[in-house]
Amino acid sequence: MDGGWALVLSAVVTAVGGILVAIISQFRKENREDHAVVSGMLQHIYKSVKGVETKVDKVEHKLNGHIKEHTRD
């Protein structure tokens, strides 16, 4: 292999490497955006469930009090 072909081969390897880096960085950007969306959804679900748990705890407390009243009689 002479110097000319070595130069062409190194240019091709560099170009392919650059394209691969660009593709990988694009996937990482999309992954970050998707992660942000999912994280926001999970926070919304957590807040919703947290409110439901509070309501369930209140109902449970009332129900326990009601059952205790029946067992006293």
N, C-alpha and C. Protein backbone atom coordinates (compact mmCIF):
# COMPACT_ATOMS: atom_id res chain seq x y z
N MET A 1 0.87 -1.17 0.00
CA MET A 1 0.00 0.00 0.00
C MET A 1 0.91 1.23 0.00
N ASP A 2 0.67 2.12 -0.91
CA ASP A 2 1.48 3.32 -0.95
C ASP A 2 0.86 4.42 -0.10
N GLY A 3 1.50 5.52 -0.01
CA GLY A 3 1.06 6.62 0.85
C GLY A 3 -0.29 7.20 0.46
N GLY A 4 -0.59 7.20 -0.84
CA GLY A 4 -1.87 7.74 -1.31
C GLY A 4 -3.06 6.94 -0.80
N TRP A 5 -2.94 5.60 -0.93
CA TRP A 5 -4.03 4.76 -0.44
C TRP A 5 -4.18 4.83 1.08
N ALA A 6 -3.08 4.93 1.77
CA ALA A 6 -3.13 5.05 3.23
C ALA A 6 -3.84 6.34 3.63
N LEU A 7 -3.61 7.39 2.89
CA LEU A 7 -4.27 8.66 3.16
C LEU A 7 -5.77 8.56 2.90
N VAL A 8 -6.16 7.91 1.81
CA VAL A 8 -7.58 7.72 1.49
C VAL A 8 -8.25 6.86 2.55
N LEU A 9 -7.59 5.76 2.93
CA LEU A 9 -8.15 4.86 3.94
C LEU A 9 -8.32 5.58 5.28
N SER A 10 -7.35 6.37 5.67
CA SER A 10 -7.47 7.09 6.94
C SER A 10 -8.59 8.13 6.88
N ALA A 11 -8.79 8.74 5.71
CA ALA A 11 -9.88 9.72 5.56
C ALA A 11 -11.23 9.02 5.66
N VAL A 12 -11.35 7.84 5.05
CA VAL A 12 -12.60 7.07 5.12
C VAL A 12 -12.89 6.66 6.56
N VAL A 13 -11.88 6.15 7.26
CA VAL A 13 -12.07 5.74 8.66
C VAL A 13 -12.49 6.94 9.51
N THR A 14 -11.88 8.08 9.30
CA THR A 14 -12.23 9.29 10.05
C THR A 14 -13.66 9.72 9.76
N ALA A 15 -14.07 9.65 8.49
CA ALA A 15 -15.43 10.05 8.12
C ALA A 15 -16.46 9.12 8.74
N VAL A 16 -16.21 7.82 8.66
CA VAL A 16 -17.14 6.84 9.25
C VAL A 16 -17.21 7.05 10.76
N GLY A 17 -16.08 7.27 11.38
CA GLY A 17 -16.07 7.53 12.83
C GLY A 17 -16.86 8.78 13.18
N GLY A 18 -16.72 9.81 12.40
CA GLY A 18 -17.46 11.05 12.64
C GLY A 18 -18.96 10.85 12.50
N ILE A 19 -19.35 10.08 11.49
CA ILE A 19 -20.78 9.80 11.29
C ILE A 19 -21.33 9.00 12.47
N LEU A 20 -20.58 8.00 12.92
CA LEU A 20 -21.03 7.19 14.06
C LEU A 20 -21.18 8.04 15.33
N VAL A 21 -20.24 8.93 15.55
CA VAL A 21 -20.33 9.82 16.73
C VAL A 21 -21.56 10.71 16.63
N ALA A 22 -21.85 11.23 15.46
CA ALA A 22 -23.03 12.08 15.27
C ALA A 22 -24.32 11.30 15.54
N ILE A 23 -24.39 10.07 15.06
CA ILE A 23 -25.58 9.25 15.27
C ILE A 23 -25.75 8.92 16.75
N ILE A 24 -24.67 8.55 17.40
CA ILE A 24 -24.74 8.20 18.83
C ILE A 24 -25.15 9.42 19.65
N SER A 25 -24.61 10.58 19.35
CA SER A 25 -24.97 11.77 20.11
C SER A 25 -26.44 12.15 19.89
N GLN A 26 -26.97 11.89 18.71
CA GLN A 26 -28.39 12.16 18.44
C GLN A 26 -29.26 11.23 19.29
N PHE A 27 -28.90 9.95 19.38
CA PHE A 27 -29.65 9.02 20.22
C PHE A 27 -29.60 9.45 21.68
N ARG A 28 -28.45 9.93 22.13
CA ARG A 28 -28.33 10.37 23.53
C ARG A 28 -29.24 11.57 23.78
N LYS A 29 -29.33 12.49 22.81
CA LYS A 29 -30.20 13.66 22.96
C LYS A 29 -31.66 13.21 23.06
N GLU A 30 -32.07 12.30 22.17
CA GLU A 30 -33.44 11.79 22.21
C GLU A 30 -33.70 11.06 23.52
N ASN A 31 -32.71 10.32 24.00
CA ASN A 31 -32.86 9.59 25.25
C ASN A 31 -33.07 10.56 26.41
N ARG A 32 -32.32 11.66 26.43
CA ARG A 32 -32.48 12.66 27.49
C ARG A 32 -33.87 13.28 27.45
N GLU A 33 -34.35 13.59 26.24
CA GLU A 33 -35.68 14.18 26.10
C GLU A 33 -36.76 13.19 26.55
N ASP A 34 -36.63 11.93 26.14
CA ASP A 34 -37.59 10.91 26.55
C ASP A 34 -37.56 10.72 28.07
N HIS A 35 -36.37 10.74 28.63
CA HIS A 35 -36.24 10.59 30.08
C HIS A 35 -36.94 11.73 30.81
N ALA A 36 -36.81 12.93 30.30
CA ALA A 36 -37.46 14.08 30.92
C ALA A 36 -38.98 13.94 30.86
N VAL A 37 -39.50 13.46 29.75
CA VAL A 37 -40.95 13.28 29.61
C VAL A 37 -41.45 12.22 30.59
N VAL A 38 -40.75 11.08 30.64
CA VAL A 38 -41.16 9.99 31.53
C VAL A 38 -41.05 10.43 32.99
N SER A 39 -40.00 11.15 33.31
CA SER A 39 -39.82 11.63 34.68
C SER A 39 -40.97 12.56 35.08
N GLY A 40 -41.37 13.43 34.18
CA GLY A 40 -42.51 14.32 34.46
C GLY A 40 -43.79 13.54 34.66
N MET A 41 -44.01 12.52 33.85
CA MET A 41 -45.21 11.69 34.00
C MET A 41 -45.20 10.96 35.33
N LEU A 42 -44.06 10.42 35.71
CA LEU A 42 -43.96 9.71 36.99
C LEU A 42 -44.21 10.65 38.16
N GLN A 43 -43.72 11.86 38.08
CA GLN A 43 -43.98 12.83 39.15
C GLN A 43 -45.46 13.15 39.23
N HIS A 44 -46.12 13.29 38.09
CA HIS A 44 -47.55 13.55 38.06
C HIS A 44 -48.33 12.38 38.67
N ILE A 45 -47.94 11.16 38.29
CA ILE A 45 -48.61 9.97 38.85
C ILE A 45 -48.38 9.90 40.35
N TYR A 46 -47.14 10.18 40.80
CA TYR A 46 -46.83 10.13 42.22
C TYR A 46 -47.69 11.11 42.99
N LYS A 47 -47.83 12.33 42.46
CA LYS A 47 -48.66 13.33 43.14
C LYS A 47 -50.11 12.89 43.19
N SER A 48 -50.61 12.28 42.12
CA SER A 48 -51.98 11.80 42.07
C SER A 48 -52.19 10.67 43.07
N VAL A 49 -51.26 9.73 43.09
CA VAL A 49 -51.38 8.58 44.00
C VAL A 49 -51.23 9.04 45.44
N LYS A 50 -50.37 10.00 45.67
CA LYS A 50 -50.17 10.50 47.03
C LYS A 50 -51.48 11.10 47.55
N GLY A 51 -52.20 11.82 46.72
CA GLY A 51 -53.49 12.38 47.12
C GLY A 51 -54.50 11.29 47.38
N VAL A 52 -54.48 10.23 46.58
CA VAL A 52 -55.41 9.12 46.77
C VAL A 52 -55.10 8.40 48.07
N GLU A 53 -53.80 8.21 48.37
CA GLU A 53 -53.43 7.54 49.62
C GLU A 53 -53.94 8.32 50.81
N THR A 54 -53.86 9.64 50.76
CA THR A 54 -54.36 10.46 51.86
C THR A 54 -55.85 10.26 52.02
N LYS A 55 -56.59 10.23 50.93
CA LYS A 55 -58.03 10.01 50.99
C LYS A 55 -58.34 8.62 51.53
N VAL A 56 -57.58 7.62 51.09
CA VAL A 56 -57.79 6.26 51.56
C VAL A 56 -57.51 6.17 53.05
N ASP A 57 -56.44 6.82 53.51
CA ASP A 57 -56.13 6.82 54.94
C ASP A 57 -57.26 7.44 55.75
N LYS A 58 -57.84 8.52 55.24
CA LYS A 58 -58.94 9.18 55.94
C LYS A 58 -60.15 8.24 56.01
N VAL A 59 -60.46 7.59 54.90
CA VAL A 59 -61.59 6.66 54.87
C VAL A 59 -61.32 5.50 55.81
N GLU A 60 -60.09 4.98 55.79
CA GLU A 60 -59.74 3.87 56.67
C GLU A 60 -59.90 4.27 58.13
N HIS A 61 -59.46 5.47 58.46
CA HIS A 61 -59.58 5.95 59.84
C HIS A 61 -61.05 6.06 60.25
N LYS A 62 -61.87 6.61 59.37
CA LYS A 62 -63.30 6.73 59.65
C LYS A 62 -63.95 5.36 59.79
N LEU A 63 -63.57 4.43 58.92
CA LEU A 63 -64.14 3.08 58.95
C LEU A 63 -63.73 2.36 60.23
N ASN A 64 -62.49 2.50 60.63
CA ASN A 64 -62.05 1.88 61.88
C ASN A 64 -62.82 2.44 63.06
N GLY A 65 -63.03 3.75 63.07
CA GLY A 65 -63.81 4.37 64.14
C GLY A 65 -65.24 3.86 64.14
N HIS A 66 -65.82 3.70 62.98
CA HIS A 66 -67.19 3.21 62.86
C HIS A 66 -67.29 1.77 63.36
N ILE A 67 -66.32 0.95 63.00
CA ILE A 67 -66.32 -0.45 63.46
C ILE A 67 -66.16 -0.52 64.97
N LYS A 68 -65.31 0.33 65.54
CA LYS A 68 -65.13 0.35 66.99
C LYS A 68 -66.43 0.72 67.70
N GLU A 69 -67.17 1.64 67.10
CA GLU A 69 -68.46 2.02 67.70
C GLU A 69 -69.40 0.83 67.73
N HIS A 70 -69.41 0.01 66.70
CA HIS A 70 -70.28 -1.16 66.64
C HIS A 70 -69.83 -2.23 67.62
N THR A 71 -68.55 -2.35 67.85
CA THR A 71 -68.06 -3.41 68.74
C THR A 71 -68.27 -3.03 70.21
N ARG A 72 -68.47 -1.76 70.51
CA ARG A 72 -68.72 -1.33 71.90
C ARG A 72 -70.11 -1.75 72.36
N ASP A 73 -71.03 -1.81 71.43
CA ASP A 73 -72.42 -2.12 71.83
C ASP A 73 -72.62 -3.52 72.24
